[in-house]
């Protein structure tokens, strides 16, 4: 849901049919993981993705899963598992 932009906690609650304490706990975990950003406006809390952090993660993941010259999947790379 947050990939579409910032959302109020009340909107998220409507879609997931969970309790407010459950949402608060789950979002706290995501905030501590630096995946989600929260902001308060009056009594409402708004959540959005931490796009900068996610972009960094995607870049790192892309490097990890990309084909490299020394990958064991290339012919000629030996395996010492005998």
PDB file of N, CA and C in Angstrom:
ATOM      1  N   UNK A   1       0.816  -1.202   0.000  1.00  0.00           N
ATOM      2  CA  UNK A   1       0.000   0.000   0.000  1.00  0.00           C
ATOM      3  C   UNK A   1       0.858   1.264   0.000  1.00  0.00           C
ATOM      4  N   UNK A   2       1.960   1.224   0.724  1.00  0.00           N
ATOM      5  CA  UNK A   2       2.794   2.416   0.819  1.00  0.00           C
ATOM      6  C   UNK A   2       3.578   2.691  -0.459  1.00  0.00           C
ATOM      7  N   UNK A   3       3.654   1.717  -1.349  1.00  0.00           N
ATOM      8  CA  UNK A   3       4.344   1.964  -2.619  1.00  0.00           C
ATOM      9  C   UNK A   3       3.593   3.002  -3.454  1.00  0.00           C
ATOM     10  N   UNK A   4       2.329   3.231  -3.139  1.00  0.00           N
ATOM     11  CA  UNK A   4       1.533   4.239  -3.843  1.00  0.00           C
ATOM     12  C   UNK A   4       1.694   5.627  -3.228  1.00  0.00           C
ATOM     13  N   UNK A   5       2.347   5.703  -2.066  1.00  0.00           N
ATOM     14  CA  UNK A   5       2.555   6.994  -1.413  1.00  0.00           C
ATOM     15  C   UNK A   5       2.176   6.943   0.057  1.00  0.00           C
ATOM     16  N   UNK A   6       2.277   8.091   0.674  1.00  0.00           N
ATOM     17  CA  UNK A   6       2.005   8.213   2.106  1.00  0.00           C
ATOM     18  C   UNK A   6       0.546   7.896   2.417  1.00  0.00           C
ATOM     19  N   UNK A   7       0.357   7.193   3.529  1.00  0.00           N
ATOM     20  CA  UNK A   7      -0.993   6.855   3.959  1.00  0.00           C
ATOM     21  C   UNK A   7      -1.162   7.099   5.450  1.00  0.00           C
ATOM     22  N   UNK A   8      -2.367   7.481   5.806  1.00  0.00           N
ATOM     23  CA  UNK A   8      -2.738   7.629   7.208  1.00  0.00           C
ATOM     24  C   UNK A   8      -2.938   6.232   7.805  1.00  0.00           C
ATOM     25  N   UNK A   9      -2.572   6.085   9.067  1.00  0.00           N
ATOM     26  CA  UNK A   9      -2.756   4.800   9.746  1.00  0.00           C
ATOM     27  C   UNK A   9      -4.199   4.338   9.658  1.00  0.00           C
ATOM     28  N   UNK A  10      -5.145   5.253   9.732  1.00  0.00           N
ATOM     29  CA  UNK A  10      -6.556   4.872   9.689  1.00  0.00           C
ATOM     30  C   UNK A  10      -6.915   4.191   8.369  1.00  0.00           C
ATOM     31  N   UNK A  11      -6.308   4.627   7.279  1.00  0.00           N
ATOM     32  CA  UNK A  11      -6.555   4.009   5.959  1.00  0.00           C
ATOM     33  C   UNK A  11      -5.969   2.601   5.903  1.00  0.00           C
ATOM     34  N   UNK A  12      -4.792   2.426   6.462  1.00  0.00           N
ATOM     35  CA  UNK A  12      -4.166   1.107   6.495  1.00  0.00           C
ATOM     36  C   UNK A  12      -5.007   0.162   7.342  1.00  0.00           C
ATOM     37  N   UNK A  13      -5.485   0.653   8.459  1.00  0.00           N
ATOM     38  CA  UNK A  13      -6.331  -0.162   9.341  1.00  0.00           C
ATOM     39  C   UNK A  13      -7.587  -0.641   8.621  1.00  0.00           C
ATOM     40  N   UNK A  14      -8.184   0.211   7.812  1.00  0.00           N
ATOM     41  CA  UNK A  14      -9.395  -0.159   7.065  1.00  0.00           C
ATOM     42  C   UNK A  14      -9.132  -1.318   6.105  1.00  0.00           C
ATOM     43  N   UNK A  15      -7.989  -1.312   5.469  1.00  0.00           N
ATOM     44  CA  UNK A  15      -7.672  -2.320   4.462  1.00  0.00           C
ATOM     45  C   UNK A  15      -7.253  -3.657   5.052  1.00  0.00           C
ATOM     46  N   UNK A  16      -6.542  -3.631   6.164  1.00  0.00           N
ATOM     47  CA  UNK A  16      -6.007  -4.866   6.719  1.00  0.00           C
ATOM     48  C   UNK A  16      -6.875  -5.484   7.807  1.00  0.00           C
ATOM     49  N   UNK A  17      -7.829  -4.739   8.318  1.00  0.00           N
ATOM     50  CA  UNK A  17      -8.723  -5.249   9.361  1.00  0.00           C
ATOM     51  C   UNK A  17      -7.931  -5.814  10.538  1.00  0.00           C
ATOM     52  N   UNK A  18      -6.977  -5.025  11.006  1.00  0.00           N
ATOM     53  CA  UNK A  18      -6.196  -5.367  12.183  1.00  0.00           C
ATOM     54  C   UNK A  18      -6.434  -4.305  13.239  1.00  0.00           C
ATOM     55  N   UNK A  19      -5.989  -4.573  14.439  1.00  0.00           N
ATOM     56  CA  UNK A  19      -6.177  -3.596  15.506  1.00  0.00           C
ATOM     57  C   UNK A  19      -5.114  -2.506  15.417  1.00  0.00           C
ATOM     58  N   UNK A  20      -5.414  -1.385  16.031  1.00  0.00           N
ATOM     59  CA  UNK A  20      -4.473  -0.266  16.037  1.00  0.00           C
ATOM     60  C   UNK A  20      -3.174  -0.644  16.752  1.00  0.00           C
ATOM     61  N   UNK A  21      -3.233  -1.367  17.894  1.00  0.00           N
ATOM     62  CA  UNK A  21      -1.967  -1.765  18.525  1.00  0.00           C
ATOM     63  C   UNK A  21      -1.115  -2.680  17.634  1.00  0.00           C
ATOM     64  N   UNK A  22      -1.752  -3.558  16.879  1.00  0.00           N
ATOM     65  CA  UNK A  22      -1.014  -4.437  15.969  1.00  0.00           C
ATOM     66  C   UNK A  22      -0.332  -3.614  14.885  1.00  0.00           C
ATOM     67  N   UNK A  23      -1.059  -2.668  14.299  1.00  0.00           N
ATOM     68  CA  UNK A  23      -0.479  -1.807  13.276  1.00  0.00           C
ATOM     69  C   UNK A  23       0.685  -1.011  13.855  1.00  0.00           C
ATOM     70  N   UNK A  24       0.492  -0.442  15.033  1.00  0.00           N
ATOM     71  CA  UNK A  24       1.558   0.349  15.658  1.00  0.00           C
ATOM     72  C   UNK A  24       2.810  -0.487  15.888  1.00  0.00           C
ATOM     73  N   UNK A  25       2.628  -1.698  16.353  1.00  0.00           N
ATOM     74  CA  UNK A  25       3.773  -2.576  16.588  1.00  0.00           C
ATOM     75  C   UNK A  25       4.483  -2.913  15.285  1.00  0.00           C
ATOM     76  N   UNK A  26       3.718  -3.315  14.286  1.00  0.00           N
ATOM     77  CA  UNK A  26       4.308  -3.694  13.003  1.00  0.00           C
ATOM     78  C   UNK A  26       5.029  -2.513  12.352  1.00  0.00           C
ATOM     79  N   UNK A  27       4.431  -1.339  12.416  1.00  0.00           N
ATOM     80  CA  UNK A  27       5.055  -0.162  11.816  1.00  0.00           C
ATOM     81  C   UNK A  27       6.301   0.238  12.597  1.00  0.00           C
ATOM     82  N   UNK A  28       6.285   0.061  13.915  1.00  0.00           N
ATOM     83  CA  UNK A  28       7.463   0.359  14.725  1.00  0.00           C
ATOM     84  C   UNK A  28       8.641  -0.503  14.274  1.00  0.00           C
ATOM     85  N   UNK A  29       8.380  -1.770  13.991  1.00  0.00           N
ATOM     86  CA  UNK A  29       9.430  -2.668  13.510  1.00  0.00           C
ATOM     87  C   UNK A  29       9.978  -2.158  12.174  1.00  0.00           C
ATOM     88  N   UNK A  30       9.098  -1.758  11.268  1.00  0.00           N
ATOM     89  CA  UNK A  30       9.531  -1.249   9.957  1.00  0.00           C
ATOM     90  C   UNK A  30      10.273   0.076  10.073  1.00  0.00           C
ATOM     91  N   UNK A  31       9.867   0.910  11.013  1.00  0.00           N
ATOM     92  CA  UNK A  31      10.550   2.192  11.244  1.00  0.00           C
ATOM     93  C   UNK A  31      11.945   1.932  11.804  1.00  0.00           C
ATOM     94  N   UNK A  32      12.047   1.022  12.761  1.00  0.00           N
ATOM     95  CA  UNK A  32      13.351   0.695  13.341  1.00  0.00           C
ATOM     96  C   UNK A  32      14.278   0.055  12.307  1.00  0.00           C
ATOM     97  N   UNK A  33      13.703  -0.635  11.330  1.00  0.00           N
ATOM     98  CA  UNK A  33      14.490  -1.218  10.247  1.00  0.00           C
ATOM     99  C   UNK A  33      14.820  -0.184   9.171  1.00  0.00           C
ATOM    100  N   UNK A  34      14.332   1.037   9.357  1.00  0.00           N
ATOM    101  CA  UNK A  34      14.583   2.156   8.442  1.00  0.00           C
ATOM    102  C   UNK A  34      13.933   1.951   7.077  1.00  0.00           C
ATOM    103  N   UNK A  35      12.858   1.172   7.046  1.00  0.00           N
ATOM    104  CA  UNK A  35      12.127   0.916   5.807  1.00  0.00           C
ATOM    105  C   UNK A  35      10.962   1.887   5.642  1.00  0.00           C
ATOM    106  N   UNK A  36      10.391   2.292   6.769  1.00  0.00           N
ATOM    107  CA  UNK A  36       9.220   3.174   6.771  1.00  0.00           C
ATOM    108  C   UNK A  36       9.536   4.424   7.590  1.00  0.00           C
ATOM    109  N   UNK A  37       8.969   5.532   7.161  1.00  0.00           N
ATOM    110  CA  UNK A  37       9.079   6.812   7.864  1.00  0.00           C
ATOM    111  C   UNK A  37       7.689   7.170   8.374  1.00  0.00           C
ATOM    112  N   UNK A  38       7.630   7.686   9.586  1.00  0.00           N
ATOM    113  CA  UNK A  38       6.345   8.140  10.108  1.00  0.00           C
ATOM    114  C   UNK A  38       6.388   9.633  10.392  1.00  0.00           C
ATOM    115  N   UNK A  39       5.228  10.229  10.332  1.00  0.00           N
ATOM    116  CA  UNK A  39       5.090  11.634  10.730  1.00  0.00           C
ATOM    117  C   UNK A  39       3.716  11.802  11.367  1.00  0.00           C
ATOM    118  N   UNK A  40       3.663  12.683  12.319  1.00  0.00           N
ATOM    119  CA  UNK A  40       2.407  12.920  13.025  1.00  0.00           C
ATOM    120  C   UNK A  40       1.835  14.270  12.609  1.00  0.00           C
ATOM    121  N   UNK A  41       0.529  14.269  12.453  1.00  0.00           N
ATOM    122  CA  UNK A  41      -0.195  15.494  12.149  1.00  0.00           C
ATOM    123  C   UNK A  41      -1.443  15.480  13.016  1.00  0.00           C
ATOM    124  N   UNK A  42      -1.410  16.233  14.088  1.00  0.00           N
ATOM    125  CA  UNK A  42      -2.508  16.186  15.048  1.00  0.00           C
ATOM    126  C   UNK A  42      -2.575  14.813  15.687  1.00  0.00           C
ATOM    127  N   UNK A  43      -3.742  14.193  15.650  1.00  0.00           N
ATOM    128  CA  UNK A  43      -3.913  12.853  16.207  1.00  0.00           C
ATOM    129  C   UNK A  43      -3.579  11.754  15.208  1.00  0.00           C
ATOM    130  N   UNK A  44      -3.330  12.122  13.967  1.00  0.00           N
ATOM    131  CA  UNK A  44      -3.089  11.127  12.921  1.00  0.00           C
ATOM    132  C   UNK A  44      -1.599  10.866  12.711  1.00  0.00           C
ATOM    133  N   UNK A  45      -1.297   9.620  12.403  1.00  0.00           N
ATOM    134  CA  UNK A  45       0.058   9.235  12.029  1.00  0.00           C
ATOM    135  C   UNK A  45       0.036   8.819  10.574  1.00  0.00           C
ATOM    136  N   UNK A  46       0.985   9.336   9.833  1.00  0.00           N
ATOM    137  CA  UNK A  46       1.115   9.026   8.414  1.00  0.00           C
ATOM    138  C   UNK A  46       2.399   8.239   8.200  1.00  0.00           C
ATOM    139  N   UNK A  47       2.317   7.253   7.311  1.00  0.00           N
ATOM    140  CA  UNK A  47       3.457   6.393   7.024  1.00  0.00           C
ATOM    141  C   UNK A  47       3.800   6.471   5.544  1.00  0.00           C
ATOM    142  N   UNK A  48       5.096   6.407   5.276  1.00  0.00           N
ATOM    143  CA  UNK A  48       5.560   6.360   3.885  1.00  0.00           C
ATOM    144  C   UNK A  48       6.820   5.505   3.844  1.00  0.00           C
ATOM    145  N   UNK A  49       7.151   5.033   2.657  1.00  0.00           N
ATOM    146  CA  UNK A  49       8.362   4.244   2.482  1.00  0.00           C
ATOM    147  C   UNK A  49       9.581   5.157   2.550  1.00  0.00           C
ATOM    148  N   UNK A  50      10.649   4.672   3.121  1.00  0.00           N
ATOM    149  CA  UNK A  50      11.918   5.383   3.124  1.00  0.00           C
ATOM    150  C   UNK A  50      12.600   5.039   1.799  1.00  0.00           C
ATOM    151  N   UNK A  51      12.262   5.776   0.777  1.00  0.00           N
ATOM    152  CA  UNK A  51      12.704   5.454  -0.575  1.00  0.00           C
ATOM    153  C   UNK A  51      14.212   5.454  -0.710  1.00  0.00           C
ATOM    154  N   UNK A  52      14.885   6.366  -0.032  1.00  0.00           N
ATOM    155  CA  UNK A  52      16.346   6.421  -0.102  1.00  0.00           C
ATOM    156  C   UNK A  52      16.955   5.116   0.421  1.00  0.00           C
ATOM    157  N   UNK A  53      16.451   4.632   1.532  1.00  0.00           N
ATOM    158  CA  UNK A  53      16.949   3.389   2.106  1.00  0.00           C
ATOM    159  C   UNK A  53      16.626   2.201   1.195  1.00  0.00           C
ATOM    160  N   UNK A  54      15.414   2.180   0.657  1.00  0.00           N
ATOM    161  CA  UNK A  54      15.028   1.089  -0.236  1.00  0.00           C
ATOM    162  C   UNK A  54      15.847   1.087  -1.519  1.00  0.00           C
ATOM    163  N   UNK A  55      16.139   2.264  -2.055  1.00  0.00           N
ATOM    164  CA  UNK A  55      16.969   2.352  -3.256  1.00  0.00           C
ATOM    165  C   UNK A  55      18.357   1.779  -2.982  1.00  0.00           C
ATOM    166  N   UNK A  56      18.906   2.091  -1.831  1.00  0.00           N
ATOM    167  CA  UNK A  56      20.212   1.562  -1.444  1.00  0.00           C
ATOM    168  C   UNK A  56      20.155   0.041  -1.313  1.00  0.00           C
ATOM    169  N   UNK A  57      19.093  -0.449  -0.714  1.00  0.00           N
ATOM    170  CA  UNK A  57      18.913  -1.895  -0.563  1.00  0.00           C
ATOM    171  C   UNK A  57      18.814  -2.577  -1.930  1.00  0.00           C
ATOM    172  N   UNK A  58      18.004  -2.013  -2.819  1.00  0.00           N
ATOM    173  CA  UNK A  58      17.848  -2.599  -4.157  1.00  0.00           C
ATOM    174  C   UNK A  58      19.172  -2.609  -4.909  1.00  0.00           C
ATOM    175  N   UNK A  59      19.964  -1.557  -4.756  1.00  0.00           N
ATOM    176  CA  UNK A  59      21.263  -1.495  -5.418  1.00  0.00           C
ATOM    177  C   UNK A  59      22.175  -2.588  -4.867  1.00  0.00           C
ATOM    178  N   UNK A  60      22.203  -2.750  -3.561  1.00  0.00           N
ATOM    179  CA  UNK A  60      23.031  -3.800  -2.949  1.00  0.00           C
ATOM    180  C   UNK A  60      22.559  -5.181  -3.364  1.00  0.00           C
ATOM    181  N   UNK A  61      21.264  -5.380  -3.369  1.00  0.00           N
ATOM    182  CA  UNK A  61      20.712  -6.669  -3.765  1.00  0.00           C
ATOM    183  C   UNK A  61      21.044  -6.971  -5.216  1.00  0.00           C
ATOM    184  N   UNK A  62      20.947  -5.969  -6.069  1.00  0.00           N
ATOM    185  CA  UNK A  62      21.288  -6.153  -7.476  1.00  0.00           C
ATOM    186  C   UNK A  62      22.724  -6.601  -7.648  1.00  0.00           C
ATOM    187  N   UNK A  63      23.619  -6.031  -6.853  1.00  0.00           N
ATOM    188  CA  UNK A  63      25.020  -6.444  -6.925  1.00  0.00           C
ATOM    189  C   UNK A  63      25.171  -7.880  -6.460  1.00  0.00           C
ATOM    190  N   UNK A  64      24.516  -8.242  -5.379  1.00  0.00           N
ATOM    191  CA  UNK A  64      24.643  -9.584  -4.812  1.00  0.00           C
ATOM    192  C   UNK A  64      24.177 -10.643  -5.807  1.00  0.00           C
ATOM    193  N   UNK A  65      23.080 -10.394  -6.494  1.00  0.00           N
ATOM    194  CA  UNK A  65      22.502 -11.423  -7.365  1.00  0.00           C
ATOM    195  C   UNK A  65      22.939 -11.305  -8.824  1.00  0.00           C
ATOM    196  N   UNK A  66      23.808 -10.348  -9.121  1.00  0.00           N
ATOM    197  CA  UNK A  66      24.248 -10.197 -10.513  1.00  0.00           C
ATOM    198  C   UNK A  66      25.328 -11.207 -10.859  1.00  0.00           C
ATOM    199  N   UNK A  67      25.433 -11.499 -12.137  1.00  0.00           N
ATOM    200  CA  UNK A  67      26.434 -12.420 -12.661  1.00  0.00           C
ATOM    201  C   UNK A  67      27.811 -11.782 -12.529  1.00  0.00           C
ATOM    202  N   UNK A  68      28.762 -12.551 -12.001  1.00  0.00           N
ATOM    203  CA  UNK A  68      30.129 -12.066 -11.845  1.00  0.00           C
ATOM    204  C   UNK A  68      31.084 -13.060 -12.498  1.00  0.00           C
ATOM    205  N   UNK A  69      32.266 -12.590 -12.885  1.00  0.00           N
ATOM    206  CA  UNK A  69      33.247 -13.436 -13.567  1.00  0.00           C
ATOM    207  C   UNK A  69      33.645 -14.662 -12.763  1.00  0.00           C
ATOM    208  N   UNK A  70      33.691 -14.551 -11.442  1.00  0.00           N
ATOM    209  CA  UNK A  70      34.150 -15.666 -10.614  1.00  0.00           C
ATOM    210  C   UNK A  70      32.999 -16.526 -10.074  1.00  0.00           C
ATOM    211  N   UNK A  71      31.846 -16.402 -10.667  1.00  0.00           N
ATOM    212  CA  UNK A  71      30.684 -17.177 -10.232  1.00  0.00           C
ATOM    213  C   UNK A  71      30.878 -18.653 -10.564  1.00  0.00           C
ATOM    214  N   UNK A  72      30.495 -19.545  -9.662  1.00  0.00           N
ATOM    215  CA  UNK A  72      30.668 -20.981  -9.886  1.00  0.00           C
ATOM    216  C   UNK A  72      29.807 -21.510 -11.029  1.00  0.00           C
ATOM    217  N   UNK A  73      28.854 -20.726 -11.490  1.00  0.00           N
ATOM    218  CA  UNK A  73      28.002 -21.174 -12.589  1.00  0.00           C
ATOM    219  C   UNK A  73      28.709 -21.091 -13.937  1.00  0.00           C
ATOM    220  N   UNK A  74      29.850 -20.432 -13.994  1.00  0.00           N
ATOM    221  CA  UNK A  74      30.590 -20.319 -15.250  1.00  0.00           C
ATOM    222  C   UNK A  74      31.440 -21.568 -15.483  1.00  0.00           C
ATOM    223  N   UNK A  75      31.478 -22.054 -16.730  1.00  0.00           N
ATOM    224  CA  UNK A  75      32.339 -23.197 -17.047  1.00  0.00           C
ATOM    225  C   UNK A  75      33.787 -22.857 -16.729  1.00  0.00           C
ATOM    226  N   UNK A  76      34.516 -23.832 -16.241  1.00  0.00           N
ATOM    227  CA  UNK A  76      35.916 -23.624 -15.927  1.00  0.00           C
ATOM    228  C   UNK A  76      36.172 -23.240 -14.486  1.00  0.00           C
ATOM    229  N   UNK A  77      35.136 -22.872 -13.767  1.00  0.00           N
ATOM    230  CA  UNK A  77      35.292 -22.570 -12.345  1.00  0.00           C
ATOM    231  C   UNK A  77      35.138 -23.895 -11.612  1.00  0.00           C
ATOM    232  N   UNK A  78      36.163 -24.302 -10.917  1.00  0.00           N
ATOM    233  CA  UNK A  78      36.134 -25.621 -10.289  1.00  0.00           C
ATOM    234  C   UNK A  78      35.471 -25.580  -8.913  1.00  0.00           C
ATOM    235  N   UNK A  79      34.990 -26.735  -8.543  1.00  0.00           N
ATOM    236  CA  UNK A  79      34.365 -26.919  -7.240  1.00  0.00           C
ATOM    237  C   UNK A  79      35.225 -27.887  -6.443  1.00  0.00           C
ATOM    238  N   UNK A  80      35.604 -27.533  -5.256  1.00  0.00           N
ATOM    239  CA  UNK A  80      36.439 -28.356  -4.404  1.00  0.00           C
ATOM    240  C   UNK A  80      35.605 -29.142  -3.389  1.00  0.00           C
ATOM    241  N   UNK A  81      34.476 -29.658  -3.823  1.00  0.00           N
ATOM    242  CA  UNK A  81      33.572 -30.318  -2.877  1.00  0.00           C
ATOM    243  C   UNK A  81      33.653 -31.835  -2.939  1.00  0.00           C
ATOM    244  N   UNK A  82      34.685 -32.403  -3.545  1.00  0.00           N
ATOM    245  CA  UNK A  82      34.832 -33.859  -3.632  1.00  0.00           C
ATOM    246  C   UNK A  82      35.387 -34.399  -2.355  1.00  0.00           C
TER     247      UNK A  82
END
